[in-house]
Amino acid sequence: MTGPAPSAAGRIAPIRLIRWIRWYLREISGAADYDRHCLRHLREHPDRPVPTRRAYEAWRTRRREEHPQTRCC
């Protein structure tokens, strides 16, 4: 005998959890920052090519070093 088929709500909850985990990991890893940068670049500079991920990371590192923020540690 098999059990009852899972309801639609039972299938949706794990999908939402997976989506949330994916979103969270992209936010803490910085992958979402690059995506937002690309969208803004396309909006503000449609005639220029989008920088590669490597170029973006180099620019971001330079900017952080040139404009340090107050940090606790």
N, C-alpha and C. Protein backbone atom coordinates (compact mmCIF):
# COMPACT_ATOMS: atom_id res chain seq x y z
N MET A 1 0.83 -1.19 0.00
CA MET A 1 0.00 0.00 0.00
C MET A 1 0.87 1.24 0.00
N THR A 2 0.43 2.18 -0.74
CA THR A 2 1.14 3.45 -0.76
C THR A 2 0.35 4.47 0.04
N GLY A 3 1.06 5.48 0.52
CA GLY A 3 0.42 6.53 1.29
C GLY A 3 -0.26 7.52 0.36
N PRO A 4 -0.94 8.47 0.95
CA PRO A 4 -1.61 9.47 0.12
C PRO A 4 -0.58 10.33 -0.62
N ALA A 5 -0.99 10.79 -1.77
CA ALA A 5 -0.11 11.65 -2.57
C ALA A 5 0.10 12.97 -1.83
N PRO A 6 1.30 13.53 -1.91
CA PRO A 6 1.52 14.80 -1.23
C PRO A 6 0.67 15.91 -1.83
N SER A 7 0.19 16.76 -0.98
CA SER A 7 -0.65 17.86 -1.45
C SER A 7 0.22 18.90 -2.14
N ALA A 8 -0.43 19.82 -2.83
CA ALA A 8 0.30 20.88 -3.53
C ALA A 8 1.08 21.72 -2.53
N ALA A 9 0.49 21.98 -1.37
CA ALA A 9 1.19 22.77 -0.35
C ALA A 9 2.42 22.04 0.16
N GLY A 10 2.34 20.73 0.25
CA GLY A 10 3.48 19.94 0.70
C GLY A 10 4.63 19.96 -0.30
N ARG A 11 4.32 20.12 -1.58
CA ARG A 11 5.37 20.19 -2.59
C ARG A 11 5.94 21.60 -2.72
N ILE A 12 5.14 22.61 -2.46
CA ILE A 12 5.58 23.99 -2.62
C ILE A 12 6.56 24.40 -1.52
N ALA A 13 6.33 23.95 -0.30
CA ALA A 13 7.18 24.36 0.82
C ALA A 13 8.65 24.01 0.59
N PRO A 14 9.01 22.80 0.15
CA PRO A 14 10.43 22.52 -0.10
C PRO A 14 11.00 23.38 -1.23
N ILE A 15 10.20 23.69 -2.23
CA ILE A 15 10.67 24.53 -3.34
C ILE A 15 10.97 25.93 -2.82
N ARG A 16 10.10 26.46 -1.96
CA ARG A 16 10.36 27.78 -1.37
C ARG A 16 11.62 27.76 -0.52
N LEU A 17 11.81 26.71 0.22
CA LEU A 17 13.00 26.59 1.06
C LEU A 17 14.26 26.57 0.19
N ILE A 18 14.23 25.82 -0.88
CA ILE A 18 15.38 25.75 -1.79
C ILE A 18 15.65 27.11 -2.42
N ARG A 19 14.59 27.79 -2.84
CA ARG A 19 14.75 29.12 -3.42
C ARG A 19 15.33 30.09 -2.40
N TRP A 20 14.86 30.03 -1.15
CA TRP A 20 15.37 30.91 -0.11
C TRP A 20 16.85 30.64 0.16
N ILE A 21 17.22 29.37 0.24
CA ILE A 21 18.61 29.00 0.47
C ILE A 21 19.48 29.51 -0.67
N ARG A 22 19.03 29.33 -1.91
CA ARG A 22 19.78 29.82 -3.06
C ARG A 22 19.95 31.32 -2.99
N TRP A 23 18.86 32.06 -2.69
CA TRP A 23 18.94 33.51 -2.57
C TRP A 23 19.93 33.91 -1.48
N TYR A 24 19.84 33.26 -0.33
CA TYR A 24 20.71 33.60 0.79
C TYR A 24 22.18 33.38 0.44
N LEU A 25 22.50 32.26 -0.16
CA LEU A 25 23.88 31.97 -0.53
C LEU A 25 24.41 32.95 -1.57
N ARG A 26 23.56 33.35 -2.53
CA ARG A 26 23.99 34.32 -3.53
C ARG A 26 24.24 35.69 -2.89
N GLU A 27 23.44 36.06 -1.89
CA GLU A 27 23.62 37.34 -1.22
C GLU A 27 24.92 37.37 -0.41
N ILE A 28 25.20 36.31 0.33
CA ILE A 28 26.41 36.34 1.17
C ILE A 28 27.67 36.09 0.36
N SER A 29 27.56 35.45 -0.80
CA SER A 29 28.74 35.19 -1.61
C SER A 29 29.10 36.36 -2.53
N GLY A 30 28.17 37.26 -2.76
CA GLY A 30 28.43 38.40 -3.64
C GLY A 30 27.98 38.18 -5.07
N ALA A 31 27.46 37.02 -5.39
CA ALA A 31 27.00 36.76 -6.76
C ALA A 31 25.85 37.69 -7.14
N ALA A 32 25.00 38.00 -6.20
CA ALA A 32 23.87 38.89 -6.48
C ALA A 32 24.35 40.31 -6.74
N ASP A 33 25.45 40.72 -6.10
CA ASP A 33 26.01 42.06 -6.34
C ASP A 33 26.40 42.23 -7.80
N TYR A 34 27.04 41.21 -8.36
CA TYR A 34 27.46 41.29 -9.76
C TYR A 34 26.24 41.38 -10.68
N ASP A 35 25.22 40.60 -10.39
CA ASP A 35 24.00 40.65 -11.21
C ASP A 35 23.36 42.04 -11.16
N ARG A 36 23.28 42.62 -9.96
CA ARG A 36 22.72 43.97 -9.83
C ARG A 36 23.58 44.99 -10.57
N HIS A 37 24.91 44.81 -10.50
CA HIS A 37 25.82 45.72 -11.20
C HIS A 37 25.58 45.63 -12.72
N CYS A 38 25.43 44.42 -13.23
CA CYS A 38 25.20 44.23 -14.67
C CYS A 38 23.89 44.90 -15.10
N LEU A 39 22.84 44.73 -14.31
CA LEU A 39 21.56 45.35 -14.66
C LEU A 39 21.67 46.87 -14.66
N ARG A 40 22.32 47.42 -13.65
CA ARG A 40 22.49 48.87 -13.59
C ARG A 40 23.36 49.36 -14.74
N HIS A 41 24.40 48.61 -15.06
CA HIS A 41 25.29 48.99 -16.17
C HIS A 41 24.52 49.02 -17.49
N LEU A 42 23.70 48.00 -17.72
CA LEU A 42 22.90 47.96 -18.95
C LEU A 42 21.91 49.12 -19.01
N ARG A 43 21.36 49.49 -17.87
CA ARG A 43 20.39 50.58 -17.82
C ARG A 43 21.06 51.93 -18.05
N GLU A 44 22.24 52.14 -17.44
CA GLU A 44 22.90 53.44 -17.52
C GLU A 44 23.86 53.58 -18.70
N HIS A 45 24.40 52.47 -19.19
CA HIS A 45 25.36 52.50 -20.30
C HIS A 45 25.00 51.44 -21.34
N PRO A 46 23.87 51.58 -22.01
CA PRO A 46 23.45 50.53 -22.95
C PRO A 46 24.40 50.35 -24.14
N ASP A 47 25.22 51.37 -24.42
CA ASP A 47 26.11 51.29 -25.57
C ASP A 47 27.45 50.63 -25.24
N ARG A 48 27.75 50.42 -23.97
CA ARG A 48 29.02 49.82 -23.57
C ARG A 48 28.83 48.34 -23.22
N PRO A 49 29.87 47.53 -23.45
CA PRO A 49 29.74 46.11 -23.08
C PRO A 49 29.74 45.94 -21.55
N VAL A 50 29.07 44.92 -21.09
CA VAL A 50 29.01 44.62 -19.67
C VAL A 50 30.37 44.06 -19.24
N PRO A 51 30.92 44.55 -18.12
CA PRO A 51 32.21 44.04 -17.68
C PRO A 51 32.11 42.57 -17.26
N THR A 52 33.21 41.88 -17.40
CA THR A 52 33.23 40.48 -16.98
C THR A 52 33.21 40.43 -15.46
N ARG A 53 32.95 39.26 -14.95
CA ARG A 53 32.93 39.08 -13.49
C ARG A 53 34.30 39.41 -12.91
N ARG A 54 35.35 39.00 -13.58
CA ARG A 54 36.71 39.27 -13.10
C ARG A 54 36.99 40.77 -13.06
N ALA A 55 36.58 41.49 -14.10
CA ALA A 55 36.78 42.94 -14.14
C ALA A 55 35.98 43.62 -13.03
N TYR A 56 34.76 43.13 -12.80
CA TYR A 56 33.93 43.69 -11.74
C TYR A 56 34.58 43.47 -10.37
N GLU A 57 35.08 42.27 -10.13
CA GLU A 57 35.71 41.98 -8.84
C GLU A 57 36.96 42.83 -8.64
N ALA A 58 37.75 43.05 -9.69
CA ALA A 58 38.94 43.89 -9.59
C ALA A 58 38.53 45.33 -9.27
N TRP A 59 37.50 45.84 -9.94
CA TRP A 59 37.01 47.19 -9.68
C TRP A 59 36.50 47.32 -8.25
N ARG A 60 35.75 46.32 -7.80
CA ARG A 60 35.19 46.35 -6.45
C ARG A 60 36.29 46.33 -5.39
N THR A 61 37.33 45.53 -5.62
CA THR A 61 38.44 45.47 -4.68
C THR A 61 39.18 46.80 -4.63
N ARG A 62 39.45 47.39 -5.80
CA ARG A 62 40.11 48.70 -5.85
C ARG A 62 39.28 49.75 -5.12
N ARG A 63 37.99 49.75 -5.37
CA ARG A 63 37.11 50.73 -4.72
C ARG A 63 37.12 50.57 -3.21
N ARG A 64 37.09 49.34 -2.73
CA ARG A 64 37.12 49.13 -1.27
C ARG A 64 38.42 49.61 -0.66
N GLU A 65 39.52 49.43 -1.37
CA GLU A 65 40.82 49.88 -0.85
C GLU A 65 40.95 51.40 -0.90
N GLU A 66 40.41 52.03 -1.93
CA GLU A 66 40.49 53.48 -2.07
C GLU A 66 39.50 54.23 -1.17
N HIS A 67 38.39 53.60 -0.85
CA HIS A 67 37.35 54.22 -0.04
C HIS A 67 37.02 53.32 1.15
N PRO A 68 37.92 53.23 2.11
CA PRO A 68 37.66 52.35 3.26
C PRO A 68 36.50 52.87 4.11
N GLN A 69 35.75 51.96 4.66
CA GLN A 69 34.65 52.30 5.56
C GLN A 69 35.11 52.02 6.99
N THR A 70 34.45 52.63 7.91
CA THR A 70 34.75 52.35 9.31
C THR A 70 34.32 50.92 9.62
N ARG A 71 35.23 50.19 10.19
CA ARG A 71 34.93 48.80 10.54
C ARG A 71 35.25 48.58 12.01
N CYS A 72 34.58 47.64 12.58
CA CYS A 72 34.82 47.37 13.99
C CYS A 72 36.09 46.54 14.21
N CYS A 73 36.52 45.80 13.20
CA CYS A 73 37.67 44.90 13.39
C CYS A 73 38.74 45.18 12.34
